[in-house]
Amino acid sequence: MSDALTIEHLSVGVLGCACTIVADVAAGEAIVVDGGDDVARIVARLDALGVRATHLVHTHAHIDHIGALAELRERTGGLGLLHAADRPLYAGLREQARWLGIPEPKLVELDGDLADGDVVRAGAASLEVMHTPGHTHGSVSFALQTGAGQLLLTGDTLFRGSVGRTDLGGTTLEELVRSIRTKLFSYPDDTVVIPGHGPATTIGREKRENPFAGANASY
């Protein structure tokens, strides 16, 4: 909670997924969020910080966000966690790879489920889990208190000036917008948002300007 934390953001894979490392260097522990690809880069940063990833958590089960779980868990020993509602999507990871024309990933058993209200801890780092369905049934966002204030990792739920797709399997825009307005927009306006792709934003900016969920949204 604090200035003791080191937070690094990496853009990984061909789709530029935002992978975040939240590390307590003094404790030698870290949480990796959305380690979807580029395992060597992620492990190199963990090694450079002198920390071990105790948890590998995922905002949802699209391949760009979770495709490297097997190798990353092998390399770090961290626990692989995902919301239970996205387990069927994770089971179809090889099919996702075929759609994208990329190599099929190895699948491993998940170590547990994320649920709304859970807190994932590594040293002084703690991520609060919010179930924010809409992009997928099991999409979650993570809230982190830093020395500079609140930080939200929103995966593909909320982007700068946009929202996640809802045409990839049984979800609706109504459900997505509800998650944003009731969960994410409950945070202060100066809360920094790190989306799953693209530039950072703030809750205040998205409340004012987001054409799908903001104040002037027609939906």
Protein backbone atom coordinates (compact mmCIF):
# COMPACT_ATOMS: atom_id res chain seq x y z
CA MET A 1 0.00 0.00 0.00
CA SER A 2 2.45 2.09 -0.37
CA ASP A 3 5.56 3.52 -1.71
CA ALA A 4 7.14 0.16 -0.85
CA LEU A 5 5.51 -1.33 -3.93
CA THR A 6 7.09 -1.46 -7.37
CA ILE A 7 4.59 -1.53 -10.24
CA GLU A 8 5.67 -2.24 -13.80
CA HIS A 9 3.56 -2.49 -16.95
CA LEU A 10 4.65 -4.52 -19.97
CA SER A 11 2.96 -4.79 -23.36
CA VAL A 12 3.15 -8.49 -24.27
CA GLY A 13 2.30 -10.56 -27.31
CA VAL A 14 1.18 -9.65 -30.81
CA LEU A 15 -2.03 -8.09 -29.49
CA GLY A 16 -0.21 -5.83 -27.01
CA CYS A 17 -1.82 -7.12 -23.83
CA ALA A 18 -1.06 -5.06 -20.74
CA CYS A 19 0.76 -7.27 -18.24
CA THR A 20 1.36 -5.77 -14.80
CA ILE A 21 3.88 -6.79 -12.18
CA VAL A 22 3.05 -5.66 -8.63
CA ALA A 23 6.09 -6.32 -6.45
CA ASP A 24 7.08 -5.93 -2.83
CA VAL A 25 10.83 -5.95 -3.32
CA ALA A 26 11.59 -5.99 0.40
CA ALA A 27 9.48 -9.14 0.85
CA GLY A 28 10.78 -10.68 -2.38
CA GLU A 29 7.25 -11.40 -3.65
CA ALA A 30 5.13 -10.27 -6.57
CA ILE A 31 1.80 -10.71 -8.33
CA VAL A 32 1.71 -10.95 -12.14
CA VAL A 33 -1.52 -9.79 -13.78
CA ASP A 34 -2.35 -11.03 -17.29
CA GLY A 35 0.88 -12.77 -18.16
CA GLY A 36 -0.39 -13.71 -21.59
CA ASP A 37 2.85 -13.97 -23.57
CA ASP A 38 6.55 -13.05 -23.62
CA VAL A 39 7.38 -15.20 -20.62
CA ALA A 40 11.12 -14.54 -20.91
CA ARG A 41 10.55 -10.77 -20.59
CA ILE A 42 8.29 -11.18 -17.58
CA VAL A 43 10.70 -13.52 -15.82
CA ALA A 44 13.62 -11.23 -16.63
CA ARG A 45 11.84 -8.33 -14.90
CA LEU A 46 11.00 -10.48 -11.87
CA ASP A 47 14.64 -11.56 -11.65
CA ALA A 48 15.86 -7.98 -12.03
CA LEU A 49 13.62 -6.93 -9.14
CA GLY A 50 14.74 -9.90 -7.07
CA VAL A 51 11.21 -11.15 -6.50
CA ARG A 52 9.27 -14.39 -6.94
CA ALA A 53 5.79 -14.37 -8.45
CA THR A 54 3.56 -16.02 -5.87
CA HIS A 55 0.34 -15.42 -7.83
CA LEU A 56 -0.48 -15.32 -11.55
CA VAL A 57 -3.90 -13.70 -11.86
CA HIS A 58 -5.96 -12.99 -14.95
CA THR A 59 -8.68 -10.50 -15.81
CA HIS A 60 -10.26 -13.03 -18.19
CA ALA A 61 -9.52 -16.10 -20.27
CA HIS A 62 -8.86 -14.77 -23.76
CA ILE A 63 -5.58 -16.15 -25.01
CA ASP A 64 -3.70 -12.84 -25.13
CA HIS A 65 -4.29 -12.48 -21.37
CA ILE A 66 -3.71 -16.05 -20.18
CA GLY A 67 -2.02 -17.98 -22.98
CA ALA A 68 1.35 -18.16 -21.23
CA LEU A 69 0.04 -19.38 -17.88
CA ALA A 70 1.50 -22.88 -18.20
CA GLU A 71 5.03 -21.72 -18.99
CA LEU A 72 4.93 -18.83 -16.54
CA ARG A 73 3.77 -21.09 -13.73
CA GLU A 74 6.52 -23.58 -14.62
CA ARG A 75 9.13 -20.83 -14.49
CA THR A 76 7.89 -19.05 -11.34
CA GLY A 77 5.88 -21.51 -9.27
CA GLY A 78 3.11 -18.92 -8.88
CA LEU A 79 -0.53 -19.94 -8.38
CA GLY A 80 -2.67 -19.55 -11.51
CA LEU A 81 -6.04 -17.95 -10.69
CA LEU A 82 -9.09 -17.05 -12.81
CA HIS A 83 -12.77 -16.36 -12.19
CA ALA A 84 -14.76 -19.61 -12.27
CA ALA A 85 -17.16 -18.30 -14.94
CA ASP A 86 -14.27 -18.15 -17.42
CA ARG A 87 -13.08 -21.72 -16.88
CA PRO A 88 -14.96 -22.95 -20.00
CA LEU A 89 -13.27 -20.21 -22.03
CA TYR A 90 -9.89 -21.26 -20.66
CA ALA A 91 -10.62 -24.87 -21.59
CA GLY A 92 -11.05 -23.70 -25.20
CA LEU A 93 -7.70 -21.91 -25.35
CA ARG A 94 -6.37 -24.11 -28.14
CA GLU A 95 -9.40 -23.28 -30.27
CA GLN A 96 -8.75 -19.58 -29.65
CA ALA A 97 -5.20 -20.10 -30.90
CA ARG A 98 -6.48 -21.74 -34.08
CA TRP A 99 -8.82 -18.79 -34.72
CA LEU A 100 -5.86 -16.41 -34.47
CA GLY A 101 -3.46 -18.64 -36.39
CA ILE A 102 -0.93 -18.77 -33.57
CA PRO A 103 0.74 -21.75 -31.88
CA GLU A 104 -1.52 -23.69 -29.52
CA PRO A 105 -0.59 -23.16 -25.86
CA LYS A 106 -0.08 -25.81 -23.24
CA LEU A 107 -2.96 -26.05 -20.76
CA VAL A 108 -2.50 -26.63 -17.04
CA GLU A 109 -4.97 -27.03 -14.21
CA LEU A 110 -5.83 -23.75 -12.52
CA ASP A 111 -4.82 -23.50 -8.87
CA GLY A 112 -7.99 -21.77 -7.76
CA ASP A 113 -10.77 -19.32 -8.56
CA LEU A 114 -11.06 -15.58 -8.17
CA ALA A 115 -14.33 -14.25 -6.73
CA ASP A 116 -15.81 -10.81 -6.19
CA GLY A 117 -14.37 -9.28 -3.02
CA ASP A 118 -11.33 -11.55 -2.82
CA VAL A 119 -7.98 -9.99 -1.96
CA VAL A 120 -4.82 -11.45 -3.51
CA ARG A 121 -1.70 -10.69 -1.45
CA ALA A 122 2.05 -10.88 -1.96
CA GLY A 123 4.05 -9.17 0.76
CA ALA A 124 2.59 -5.67 1.15
CA ALA A 125 0.89 -5.87 -2.23
CA SER A 126 -2.84 -6.55 -2.21
CA LEU A 127 -5.19 -6.65 -5.18
CA GLU A 128 -8.93 -6.48 -4.56
CA VAL A 129 -10.95 -8.52 -7.04
CA MET A 130 -14.10 -7.09 -8.64
CA HIS A 131 -16.27 -9.28 -10.83
CA THR A 132 -17.00 -7.07 -13.85
CA PRO A 133 -18.78 -9.32 -16.37
CA GLY A 134 -19.63 -8.14 -19.86
CA HIS A 135 -16.57 -8.70 -22.04
CA THR A 136 -16.64 -12.30 -20.83
CA HIS A 137 -18.80 -13.93 -18.17
CA GLY A 138 -15.88 -14.16 -15.76
CA SER A 139 -14.13 -10.86 -16.44
CA VAL A 140 -12.66 -9.25 -13.34
CA SER A 141 -10.90 -5.99 -12.57
CA PHE A 142 -8.30 -5.45 -9.87
CA ALA A 143 -8.01 -2.47 -7.49
CA LEU A 144 -4.70 -1.56 -5.92
CA GLN A 145 -3.89 1.16 -3.40
CA THR A 146 -0.55 2.78 -4.20
CA GLY A 147 1.40 5.61 -2.62
CA ALA A 148 0.01 7.87 -5.36
CA GLY A 149 -3.61 6.77 -4.91
CA GLN A 150 -5.93 4.16 -6.38
CA LEU A 151 -5.03 2.14 -9.47
CA LEU A 152 -7.47 -0.04 -11.41
CA LEU A 153 -6.46 -2.83 -13.77
CA THR A 154 -9.57 -3.26 -15.91
CA GLY A 155 -8.56 -5.85 -18.49
CA ASP A 156 -10.83 -5.60 -21.53
CA THR A 157 -13.79 -4.18 -19.59
CA LEU A 158 -12.95 -0.46 -19.80
CA PHE A 159 -10.59 1.26 -22.25
CA ARG A 160 -9.71 4.90 -22.78
CA GLY A 161 -12.70 6.17 -24.73
CA SER A 162 -14.13 2.72 -25.32
CA VAL A 163 -15.26 -0.56 -23.77
CA GLY A 164 -14.60 -4.23 -24.43
CA ARG A 165 -16.28 -6.26 -27.14
CA THR A 166 -19.44 -8.16 -26.27
CA ASP A 167 -19.74 -10.26 -29.43
CA LEU A 168 -17.34 -13.01 -28.42
CA GLY A 169 -19.65 -15.31 -26.51
CA GLY A 170 -22.94 -14.77 -24.77
CA THR A 171 -22.48 -11.38 -23.10
CA THR A 172 -24.24 -8.06 -23.69
CA LEU A 173 -23.34 -4.40 -23.82
CA GLU A 174 -25.96 -3.78 -21.13
CA GLU A 175 -24.13 -6.16 -18.78
CA LEU A 176 -20.76 -4.57 -19.57
CA VAL A 177 -21.99 -1.01 -19.02
CA ARG A 178 -23.62 -2.07 -15.74
CA SER A 179 -20.29 -3.44 -14.51
CA ILE A 180 -18.52 -0.22 -15.42
CA ARG A 181 -21.09 2.09 -13.87
CA THR A 182 -21.75 0.15 -10.66
CA LYS A 183 -18.23 -1.14 -9.94
CA LEU A 184 -15.56 0.91 -11.71
CA PHE A 185 -17.31 4.31 -11.62
CA SER A 186 -17.68 3.99 -7.85
CA TYR A 187 -13.98 4.92 -7.56
CA PRO A 188 -12.81 8.55 -7.24
CA ASP A 189 -12.37 10.55 -10.42
CA ASP A 190 -8.59 10.73 -10.04
CA THR A 191 -8.26 6.92 -9.98
CA VAL A 192 -5.84 5.81 -12.68
CA VAL A 193 -7.06 3.08 -15.01
CA ILE A 194 -4.69 0.68 -16.78
CA PRO A 195 -6.73 -1.08 -19.48
CA GLY A 196 -5.89 -4.42 -21.03
CA HIS A 197 -4.81 -2.65 -24.23
CA GLY A 198 -3.95 0.92 -25.13
CA PRO A 199 -3.22 4.05 -23.11
CA ALA A 200 -4.03 4.70 -19.46
CA THR A 201 -6.94 6.88 -18.46
CA THR A 202 -8.79 8.00 -15.32
CA ILE A 203 -12.21 7.24 -13.94
CA GLY A 204 -13.14 10.93 -14.16
CA ARG A 205 -12.24 11.13 -17.84
CA GLU A 206 -14.30 8.04 -18.66
CA LYS A 207 -17.29 9.24 -16.63
CA ARG A 208 -17.27 12.46 -18.66
CA GLU A 209 -16.26 11.28 -22.11
CA ASN A 210 -16.71 7.56 -22.62
CA PRO A 211 -19.29 7.26 -25.46
CA PHE A 212 -20.57 3.91 -24.17
CA ALA A 213 -20.72 4.38 -20.40
CA GLY A 214 -20.05 8.05 -19.68
CA ALA A 215 -22.37 10.93 -18.84
CA ASN A 216 -23.40 11.56 -22.44
CA ALA A 217 -23.71 7.94 -23.51
CA SER A 218 -26.83 7.24 -25.51
CA TYR A 219 -26.99 3.69 -24.15
